[in-house]
Amino acid sequence: MGLREMKKLKVRQAIQRETLRLFEERGYRATTVEEIAAAAEVSTTTFYRYYSSKEDVILSGVHDRGPEAAETSGGHPLHFADGGLPEGGSLLAGLRVMLAGVRASGAFDEGRAELLTRLRMINRVPELRALNAQRTQEGLRELARLLAARDGTDPDAPEGYRTRVLAAAIGGAVAETLRFWVDQDGEPDLDDLFARTLDLLAPAVERASH
């Protein structure tokens, strides 16, 4: 990472850190973008250069993708399949390979406390819950396109029904795994929980893949 990228990363981390702190101390509704920017020692203009709103700061740590997002938020489990499914082999094997990659990166371990804070905040703030549901639906459409690309189908065509249902099942299982993890105060290992989730999904995924 070059000097410019490092500076951008530090700004993002400062905004993320201060947003979480202020939301915890003052509450979501009582905290303004101006206060977040001041606490992060950046201008309001700079804040909006990185995030579209204060809600975006929280949701970006769950939904964003790419190396910079991973560095900032400790991973993005709702999109662990967004990087592209490995070619060849079964769909289930491809999902396991991708999960192994996330596990090896340490994303679940390094960002555990921060991810737990974000998810708790999303659960208790209606505005964040609504936006989270919207972004989750966008992620499911992306996953459906990835699944359809494996067998050369169009997810928006009648023959794409199977892949859309399968994507919804996988995405729903991931979301429910996260809800369970939050309910248990983050005590179970998240990577182990996802491995168990794939084991539970295995029969349905294998049947739907043929």
C-alpha atoms as a PDB file:
ATOM      1  CA  MET A   1       0.000   0.000   0.000  1.00  0.00           C
ATOM      2  CA  GLY A   2       1.429   3.370  -1.059  1.00  0.00           C
ATOM      3  CA  LEU A   3       1.640   6.521   1.059  1.00  0.00           C
ATOM      4  CA  ARG A   4      -1.535   8.001  -0.425  1.00  0.00           C
ATOM      5  CA  GLU A   5      -3.494   4.818   0.211  1.00  0.00           C
ATOM      6  CA  MET A   6      -2.160   4.660   3.763  1.00  0.00           C
ATOM      7  CA  LYS A   7      -3.367   8.216   4.421  1.00  0.00           C
ATOM      8  CA  LYS A   8      -6.812   7.387   3.060  1.00  0.00           C
ATOM      9  CA  LEU A   9      -6.953   4.277   5.207  1.00  0.00           C
ATOM     10  CA  LYS A  10      -6.067   6.270   8.338  1.00  0.00           C
ATOM     11  CA  VAL A  11      -8.823   8.772   7.596  1.00  0.00           C
ATOM     12  CA  ARG A  12     -11.341   5.961   7.124  1.00  0.00           C
ATOM     13  CA  GLN A  13     -10.234   4.282  10.337  1.00  0.00           C
ATOM     14  CA  ALA A  14     -10.518   7.553  12.269  1.00  0.00           C
ATOM     15  CA  ILE A  15     -14.029   8.203  10.962  1.00  0.00           C
ATOM     16  CA  GLN A  16     -15.082   4.623  11.702  1.00  0.00           C
ATOM     17  CA  ARG A  17     -13.602   4.694  15.193  1.00  0.00           C
ATOM     18  CA  GLU A  18     -15.146   8.023  16.185  1.00  0.00           C
ATOM     19  CA  THR A  19     -18.537   7.152  14.710  1.00  0.00           C
ATOM     20  CA  LEU A  20     -18.733   3.972  16.785  1.00  0.00           C
ATOM     21  CA  ARG A  21     -17.546   5.805  19.904  1.00  0.00           C
ATOM     22  CA  LEU A  22     -20.006   8.689  19.549  1.00  0.00           C
ATOM     23  CA  PHE A  23     -22.926   6.407  18.724  1.00  0.00           C
ATOM     24  CA  GLU A  24     -22.173   4.364  21.839  1.00  0.00           C
ATOM     25  CA  GLU A  25     -21.741   7.443  24.064  1.00  0.00           C
ATOM     26  CA  ARG A  26     -24.456   9.768  22.713  1.00  0.00           C
ATOM     27  CA  GLY A  27     -26.727   7.531  20.718  1.00  0.00           C
ATOM     28  CA  TYR A  28     -27.341   7.266  16.987  1.00  0.00           C
ATOM     29  CA  ARG A  29     -29.918  10.036  16.645  1.00  0.00           C
ATOM     30  CA  ALA A  30     -28.089  12.542  18.847  1.00  0.00           C
ATOM     31  CA  THR A  31     -24.848  12.278  16.860  1.00  0.00           C
ATOM     32  CA  THR A  32     -24.354  14.463  13.790  1.00  0.00           C
ATOM     33  CA  VAL A  33     -21.984  14.143  10.851  1.00  0.00           C
ATOM     34  CA  GLU A  34     -20.387  17.428  11.912  1.00  0.00           C
ATOM     35  CA  GLU A  35     -19.600  15.996  15.351  1.00  0.00           C
ATOM     36  CA  ILE A  36     -18.133  12.833  13.834  1.00  0.00           C
ATOM     37  CA  ALA A  37     -15.938  14.849  11.482  1.00  0.00           C
ATOM     38  CA  ALA A  38     -14.694  17.062  14.311  1.00  0.00           C
ATOM     39  CA  ALA A  39     -13.891  14.063  16.497  1.00  0.00           C
ATOM     40  CA  ALA A  40     -12.015  12.411  13.612  1.00  0.00           C
ATOM     41  CA  GLU A  41     -10.170  15.706  12.977  1.00  0.00           C
ATOM     42  CA  VAL A  42     -11.349  16.015   9.386  1.00  0.00           C
ATOM     43  CA  SER A  43     -13.636  18.481   7.639  1.00  0.00           C
ATOM     44  CA  THR A  44     -17.268  17.668   6.902  1.00  0.00           C
ATOM     45  CA  THR A  45     -16.367  17.794   3.206  1.00  0.00           C
ATOM     46  CA  THR A  46     -13.726  15.121   3.780  1.00  0.00           C
ATOM     47  CA  PHE A  47     -16.250  12.983   5.655  1.00  0.00           C
ATOM     48  CA  TYR A  48     -18.599  13.042   2.672  1.00  0.00           C
ATOM     49  CA  ARG A  49     -15.719  12.191   0.368  1.00  0.00           C
ATOM     50  CA  TYR A  50     -15.512   8.826   2.119  1.00  0.00           C
ATOM     51  CA  TYR A  51     -19.076   8.161   3.269  1.00  0.00           C
ATOM     52  CA  SER A  52     -22.482   9.290   2.054  1.00  0.00           C
ATOM     53  CA  SER A  53     -23.989   9.471   5.551  1.00  0.00           C
ATOM     54  CA  LYS A  54     -23.422   8.493   9.169  1.00  0.00           C
ATOM     55  CA  GLU A  55     -25.445   5.335   8.488  1.00  0.00           C
ATOM     56  CA  ASP A  56     -23.050   4.438   5.691  1.00  0.00           C
ATOM     57  CA  VAL A  57     -20.148   4.402   8.166  1.00  0.00           C
ATOM     58  CA  ILE A  58     -21.809   1.628  10.179  1.00  0.00           C
ATOM     59  CA  LEU A  59     -23.117  -0.399   7.253  1.00  0.00           C
ATOM     60  CA  SER A  60     -19.862  -0.179   5.298  1.00  0.00           C
ATOM     61  CA  GLY A  61     -18.173  -2.322   7.947  1.00  0.00           C
ATOM     62  CA  VAL A  62     -20.647  -5.119   7.255  1.00  0.00           C
ATOM     63  CA  HIS A  63     -21.310  -4.829   3.534  1.00  0.00           C
ATOM     64  CA  ASP A  64     -18.294  -3.225   1.849  1.00  0.00           C
ATOM     65  CA  ARG A  65     -15.825  -5.333  -0.090  1.00  0.00           C
ATOM     66  CA  GLY A  66     -12.189  -5.119  -1.083  1.00  0.00           C
ATOM     67  CA  PRO A  67      -8.856  -4.901   0.758  1.00  0.00           C
ATOM     68  CA  GLU A  68      -9.421  -1.370   2.033  1.00  0.00           C
ATOM     69  CA  ALA A  69     -12.784  -2.289   3.530  1.00  0.00           C
ATOM     70  CA  ALA A  70     -11.302  -5.376   5.172  1.00  0.00           C
ATOM     71  CA  GLU A  71      -8.485  -3.303   6.679  1.00  0.00           C
ATOM     72  CA  THR A  72     -10.979  -0.784   8.031  1.00  0.00           C
ATOM     73  CA  SER A  73     -13.712  -3.000   9.394  1.00  0.00           C
ATOM     74  CA  GLY A  74     -12.243  -6.433   9.997  1.00  0.00           C
ATOM     75  CA  GLY A  75     -14.106  -8.232   7.258  1.00  0.00           C
ATOM     76  CA  HIS A  76     -17.512  -8.299   5.604  1.00  0.00           C
ATOM     77  CA  PRO A  77     -19.204 -11.627   6.333  1.00  0.00           C
ATOM     78  CA  LEU A  78     -22.473 -10.779   4.611  1.00  0.00           C
ATOM     79  CA  HIS A  79     -20.476 -10.748   1.363  1.00  0.00           C
ATOM     80  CA  PHE A  80     -17.982 -13.540   1.879  1.00  0.00           C
ATOM     81  CA  ALA A  81     -18.987 -14.945  -1.510  1.00  0.00           C
ATOM     82  CA  ASP A  82     -18.657 -11.708  -3.461  1.00  0.00           C
ATOM     83  CA  GLY A  83     -15.093 -12.173  -4.602  1.00  0.00           C
ATOM     84  CA  GLY A  84     -16.152 -14.777  -7.154  1.00  0.00           C
ATOM     85  CA  LEU A  85     -16.693 -18.492  -6.819  1.00  0.00           C
ATOM     86  CA  PRO A  86     -13.761 -20.765  -7.685  1.00  0.00           C
ATOM     87  CA  GLU A  87     -14.161 -22.408 -11.077  1.00  0.00           C
ATOM     88  CA  GLY A  88     -14.698 -26.136 -11.270  1.00  0.00           C
ATOM     89  CA  GLY A  89     -15.875 -28.496  -8.575  1.00  0.00           C
ATOM     90  CA  SER A  90     -19.182 -28.343  -6.760  1.00  0.00           C
ATOM     91  CA  LEU A  91     -20.822 -25.165  -5.530  1.00  0.00           C
ATOM     92  CA  LEU A  92     -20.505 -26.336  -1.934  1.00  0.00           C
ATOM     93  CA  ALA A  93     -16.779 -26.981  -2.385  1.00  0.00           C
ATOM     94  CA  GLY A  94     -16.408 -23.479  -3.849  1.00  0.00           C
ATOM     95  CA  LEU A  95     -18.170 -21.934  -0.854  1.00  0.00           C
ATOM     96  CA  ARG A  96     -15.928 -23.876   1.508  1.00  0.00           C
ATOM     97  CA  VAL A  97     -12.826 -22.643  -0.324  1.00  0.00           C
ATOM     98  CA  MET A  98     -14.016 -19.059  -0.016  1.00  0.00           C
ATOM     99  CA  LEU A  99     -14.816 -19.486   3.681  1.00  0.00           C
ATOM    100  CA  ALA A 100     -11.347 -20.949   4.224  1.00  0.00           C
ATOM    101  CA  GLY A 101      -9.865 -17.865   2.567  1.00  0.00           C
ATOM    102  CA  VAL A 102     -11.752 -15.530   4.904  1.00  0.00           C
ATOM    103  CA  ARG A 103     -10.719 -17.662   7.881  1.00  0.00           C
ATOM    104  CA  ALA A 104      -7.060 -17.638   6.828  1.00  0.00           C
ATOM    105  CA  SER A 105      -7.116 -13.843   6.476  1.00  0.00           C
ATOM    106  CA  GLY A 106      -7.961 -13.483  10.166  1.00  0.00           C
ATOM    107  CA  ALA A 107     -10.816 -11.091   9.319  1.00  0.00           C
ATOM    108  CA  PHE A 108     -13.224 -12.782  11.734  1.00  0.00           C
ATOM    109  CA  ASP A 109     -10.716 -12.620  14.591  1.00  0.00           C
ATOM    110  CA  GLU A 110      -9.185  -9.163  14.164  1.00  0.00           C
ATOM    111  CA  GLY A 111     -12.476  -7.299  13.746  1.00  0.00           C
ATOM    112  CA  ARG A 112     -14.574  -9.397  16.138  1.00  0.00           C
ATOM    113  CA  ALA A 113     -15.382  -6.733  18.761  1.00  0.00           C
ATOM    114  CA  GLU A 114     -15.992  -4.020  16.176  1.00  0.00           C
ATOM    115  CA  LEU A 115     -18.230  -6.214  14.027  1.00  0.00           C
ATOM    116  CA  LEU A 116     -20.213  -7.224  17.102  1.00  0.00           C
ATOM    117  CA  THR A 117     -20.721  -3.542  17.988  1.00  0.00           C
ATOM    118  CA  ARG A 118     -21.873  -2.723  14.454  1.00  0.00           C
ATOM    119  CA  LEU A 119     -24.359  -5.594  14.306  1.00  0.00           C
ATOM    120  CA  ARG A 120     -25.802  -4.775  17.719  1.00  0.00           C
ATOM    121  CA  MET A 121     -26.250  -1.182  16.607  1.00  0.00           C
ATOM    122  CA  ILE A 122     -27.974  -2.261  13.386  1.00  0.00           C
ATOM    123  CA  ASN A 123     -30.322  -4.508  15.372  1.00  0.00           C
ATOM    124  CA  ARG A 124     -31.453  -1.789  17.758  1.00  0.00           C
ATOM    125  CA  VAL A 125     -31.733   1.211  15.387  1.00  0.00           C
ATOM    126  CA  PRO A 126     -34.729   0.965  13.001  1.00  0.00           C
ATOM    127  CA  GLU A 127     -33.153   3.223  10.374  1.00  0.00           C
ATOM    128  CA  LEU A 128     -30.025   1.074  10.268  1.00  0.00           C
ATOM    129  CA  ARG A 129     -32.082  -2.134  10.165  1.00  0.00           C
ATOM    130  CA  ALA A 130     -34.002  -0.883   7.136  1.00  0.00           C
ATOM    131  CA  LEU A 131     -30.856   0.149   5.255  1.00  0.00           C
ATOM    132  CA  ASN A 132     -29.157  -3.113   6.208  1.00  0.00           C
ATOM    133  CA  ALA A 133     -32.062  -5.091   4.765  1.00  0.00           C
ATOM    134  CA  GLN A 134     -31.800  -3.102   1.519  1.00  0.00           C
ATOM    135  CA  ARG A 135     -28.059  -3.733   1.172  1.00  0.00           C
ATOM    136  CA  THR A 136     -28.530  -7.394   2.041  1.00  0.00           C
ATOM    137  CA  GLN A 137     -31.014  -7.706  -0.821  1.00  0.00           C
ATOM    138  CA  GLU A 138     -28.462  -6.132  -3.160  1.00  0.00           C
ATOM    139  CA  GLY A 139     -25.911  -8.678  -1.961  1.00  0.00           C
ATOM    140  CA  LEU A 140     -28.324 -11.537  -2.651  1.00  0.00           C
ATOM    141  CA  ARG A 141     -28.777 -10.315  -6.217  1.00  0.00           C
ATOM    142  CA  GLU A 142     -25.000 -10.263  -6.646  1.00  0.00           C
ATOM    143  CA  LEU A 143     -24.747 -13.791  -5.266  1.00  0.00           C
ATOM    144  CA  ALA A 144     -27.518 -14.968  -7.590  1.00  0.00           C
ATOM    145  CA  ARG A 145     -25.566 -13.583 -10.551  1.00  0.00           C
ATOM    146  CA  LEU A 146     -22.441 -15.425  -9.377  1.00  0.00           C
ATOM    147  CA  LEU A 147     -24.348 -18.678  -9.045  1.00  0.00           C
ATOM    148  CA  ALA A 148     -26.009 -18.236 -12.411  1.00  0.00           C
ATOM    149  CA  ALA A 149     -22.652 -17.550 -14.059  1.00  0.00           C
ATOM    150  CA  ARG A 150     -21.484 -21.017 -13.027  1.00  0.00           C
ATOM    151  CA  ASP A 151     -24.106 -22.739 -15.181  1.00  0.00           C
ATOM    152  CA  GLY A 152     -24.542 -20.074 -17.841  1.00  0.00           C
ATOM    153  CA  THR A 153     -28.075 -19.021 -16.870  1.00  0.00           C
ATOM    154  CA  ASP A 154     -29.661 -15.608 -16.486  1.00  0.00           C
ATOM    155  CA  PRO A 155     -30.938 -14.970 -12.930  1.00  0.00           C
ATOM    156  CA  ASP A 156     -33.545 -12.548 -14.303  1.00  0.00           C
ATOM    157  CA  ALA A 157     -34.943 -15.067 -16.789  1.00  0.00           C
ATOM    158  CA  PRO A 158     -37.480 -17.806 -15.911  1.00  0.00           C
ATOM    159  CA  GLU A 159     -34.699 -20.405 -15.772  1.00  0.00           C
ATOM    160  CA  GLY A 160     -32.948 -18.285 -13.148  1.00  0.00           C
ATOM    161  CA  TYR A 161     -35.548 -19.116 -10.500  1.00  0.00           C
ATOM    162  CA  ARG A 162     -33.426 -21.932  -9.064  1.00  0.00           C
ATOM    163  CA  THR A 163     -30.319 -19.816  -8.603  1.00  0.00           C
ATOM    164  CA  ARG A 164     -32.287 -16.957  -7.026  1.00  0.00           C
ATOM    165  CA  VAL A 165     -33.879 -19.276  -4.479  1.00  0.00           C
ATOM    166  CA  LEU A 166     -30.517 -20.881  -3.771  1.00  0.00           C
ATOM    167  CA  ALA A 167     -28.865 -17.480  -3.291  1.00  0.00           C
ATOM    168  CA  ALA A 168     -31.666 -16.438  -0.926  1.00  0.00           C
ATOM    169  CA  ALA A 169     -31.199 -19.641   1.081  1.00  0.00           C
ATOM    170  CA  ILE A 170     -27.437 -19.119   1.396  1.00  0.00           C
ATOM    171  CA  GLY A 171     -27.797 -15.418   2.213  1.00  0.00           C
ATOM    172  CA  GLY A 172     -30.537 -16.095   4.751  1.00  0.00           C
ATOM    173  CA  ALA A 173     -28.408 -18.731   6.450  1.00  0.00           C
ATOM    174  CA  VAL A 174     -25.458 -16.320   6.657  1.00  0.00           C
ATOM    175  CA  ALA A 175     -27.660 -13.577   8.128  1.00  0.00           C
ATOM    176  CA  GLU A 176     -29.176 -15.962  10.675  1.00  0.00           C
ATOM    177  CA  THR A 177     -25.704 -17.170  11.660  1.00  0.00           C
ATOM    178  CA  LEU A 178     -24.751 -13.575  12.397  1.00  0.00           C
ATOM    179  CA  ARG A 179     -27.931 -12.997  14.416  1.00  0.00           C
ATOM    180  CA  PHE A 180     -27.209 -16.091  16.482  1.00  0.00           C
ATOM    181  CA  TRP A 181     -23.620 -14.930  17.007  1.00  0.00           C
ATOM    182  CA  VAL A 182     -24.803 -11.532  18.263  1.00  0.00           C
ATOM    183  CA  ASP A 183     -27.426 -13.138  20.533  1.00  0.00           C
ATOM    184  CA  GLN A 184     -24.641 -15.209  22.070  1.00  0.00           C
ATOM    185  CA  ASP A 185     -22.546 -12.049  22.658  1.00  0.00           C
ATOM    186  CA  GLY A 186     -19.972 -13.114  20.078  1.00  0.00           C
ATOM    187  CA  GLU A 187     -18.692 -16.002  22.159  1.00  0.00           C
ATOM    188  CA  PRO A 188     -18.739 -18.755  19.489  1.00  0.00           C
ATOM    189  CA  ASP A 189     -15.971 -18.569  16.891  1.00  0.00           C
ATOM    190  CA  LEU A 190     -17.602 -16.963  13.861  1.00  0.00           C
ATOM    191  CA  ASP A 191     -15.585 -18.983  11.366  1.00  0.00           C
ATOM    192  CA  ASP A 192     -16.621 -22.217  13.116  1.00  0.00           C
ATOM    193  CA  LEU A 193     -20.250 -21.112  13.042  1.00  0.00           C
ATOM    194  CA  PHE A 194     -20.056 -20.451   9.311  1.00  0.00           C
ATOM    195  CA  ALA A 195     -18.470 -23.865   8.794  1.00  0.00           C
ATOM    196  CA  ARG A 196     -21.397 -25.421  10.686  1.00  0.00           C
ATOM    197  CA  THR A 197     -23.810 -23.350   8.594  1.00  0.00           C
ATOM    198  CA  LEU A 198     -22.346 -24.787   5.402  1.00  0.00           C
ATOM    199  CA  ASP A 199     -22.634 -28.287   6.850  1.00  0.00           C
ATOM    200  CA  LEU A 200     -26.341 -27.691   7.523  1.00  0.00           C
ATOM    201  CA  LEU A 201     -26.840 -26.261   4.032  1.00  0.00           C
ATOM    202  CA  ALA A 202     -24.868 -29.013   2.313  1.00  0.00           C
ATOM    203  CA  PRO A 203     -27.744 -31.391   1.385  1.00  0.00           C
ATOM    204  CA  ALA A 204     -29.923 -28.624  -0.070  1.00  0.00           C
ATOM    205  CA  VAL A 205     -27.033 -26.916  -1.879  1.00  0.00           C
ATOM    206  CA  GLU A 206     -25.836 -30.162  -3.438  1.00  0.00           C
ATOM    207  CA  ARG A 207     -29.340 -31.096  -4.614  1.00  0.00           C
ATOM    208  CA  ALA A 208     -29.951 -27.648  -6.069  1.00  0.00           C
ATOM    209  CA  SER A 209     -26.587 -27.689  -7.862  1.00  0.00           C
ATOM    210  CA  HIS A 210     -27.476 -30.645 -10.038  1.00  0.00           C
END
